[in-house]
Amino acid sequence: MKVAVDERRCEGYGFCEERAPELLQLDDEGQLLILRPDVADGEADKARAAVRSCPVAALRLED
């Protein structure tokens, strides 16, 4: 499983970073960085929570 971001939609709210800080991080300019696109089995729930938390649906999980 991989996490991906649509950079055009991301508005930098940071809810995703709160739910999965080991995978996602906002930089100083509010741009979302994917620290590790490949999601480990033990992190799948956090990745799903991060995707669900995005108010503009800028994140998605891919198989």
Protein backbone atom coordinates (compact mmCIF):
# COMPACT_ATOMS: atom_id res chain seq x y z
CA MET A 1 0.00 0.00 0.00
CA LYS A 2 1.20 3.51 -0.83
CA VAL A 3 0.01 6.94 0.22
CA ALA A 4 -0.20 9.63 -2.46
CA VAL A 5 -1.09 13.32 -2.40
CA ASP A 6 -2.74 15.52 -5.00
CA GLU A 7 -0.62 18.63 -4.48
CA ARG A 8 -3.12 20.83 -6.33
CA ARG A 9 -5.83 19.98 -3.80
CA CYS A 10 -3.77 20.02 -0.59
CA GLU A 11 -4.40 23.18 1.43
CA GLY A 12 -2.03 22.38 4.31
CA TYR A 13 -4.54 21.80 7.12
CA GLY A 14 -2.21 19.26 8.73
CA PHE A 15 -4.84 16.85 10.03
CA CYS A 16 -3.13 14.03 8.16
CA GLU A 17 0.23 14.84 9.74
CA GLU A 18 -1.37 14.66 13.19
CA ARG A 19 -2.63 11.15 12.45
CA ALA A 20 0.46 9.75 10.71
CA PRO A 21 3.54 11.88 11.50
CA GLU A 22 5.89 9.04 10.58
CA LEU A 23 4.48 9.09 7.03
CA LEU A 24 3.48 12.71 6.38
CA GLN A 25 4.84 16.12 7.30
CA LEU A 26 4.04 19.71 6.41
CA ASP A 27 7.06 21.81 5.51
CA ASP A 28 7.57 25.43 6.57
CA GLU A 29 5.52 26.64 3.58
CA GLY A 30 2.57 24.34 4.29
CA GLN A 31 3.37 21.85 1.54
CA LEU A 32 2.78 18.22 2.39
CA LEU A 33 5.80 15.95 2.22
CA ILE A 34 5.39 12.21 2.01
CA LEU A 35 8.20 10.94 4.18
CA ARG A 36 7.68 7.30 3.23
CA PRO A 37 5.20 6.52 0.46
CA ASP A 38 5.23 2.78 1.20
CA VAL A 39 3.02 2.05 4.18
CA ALA A 40 4.13 -0.80 6.44
CA ASP A 41 1.50 -3.29 7.58
CA GLY A 42 1.57 -1.90 11.12
CA GLU A 43 0.93 1.63 9.85
CA ALA A 44 -2.05 0.89 7.62
CA ASP A 45 -4.64 2.08 10.16
CA LYS A 46 -2.78 5.36 10.68
CA ALA A 47 -2.52 5.87 6.91
CA ARG A 48 -6.25 5.26 6.48
CA ALA A 49 -7.02 7.70 9.30
CA ALA A 50 -4.80 10.32 7.66
CA VAL A 51 -6.59 9.91 4.32
CA ARG A 52 -10.02 10.13 5.97
CA SER A 53 -9.02 13.25 7.93
CA CYS A 54 -8.28 15.36 4.85
CA PRO A 55 -11.12 17.89 4.41
CA VAL A 56 -10.28 18.45 0.73
CA ALA A 57 -9.68 14.77 -0.19
CA ALA A 58 -6.10 15.42 -1.31
CA LEU A 59 -4.79 12.05 -0.08
CA ARG A 60 -5.40 8.57 -1.37
CA LEU A 61 -4.13 5.07 -0.76
CA GLU A 62 -2.97 2.96 -3.68
CA ASP A 63 -2.37 -0.79 -3.81
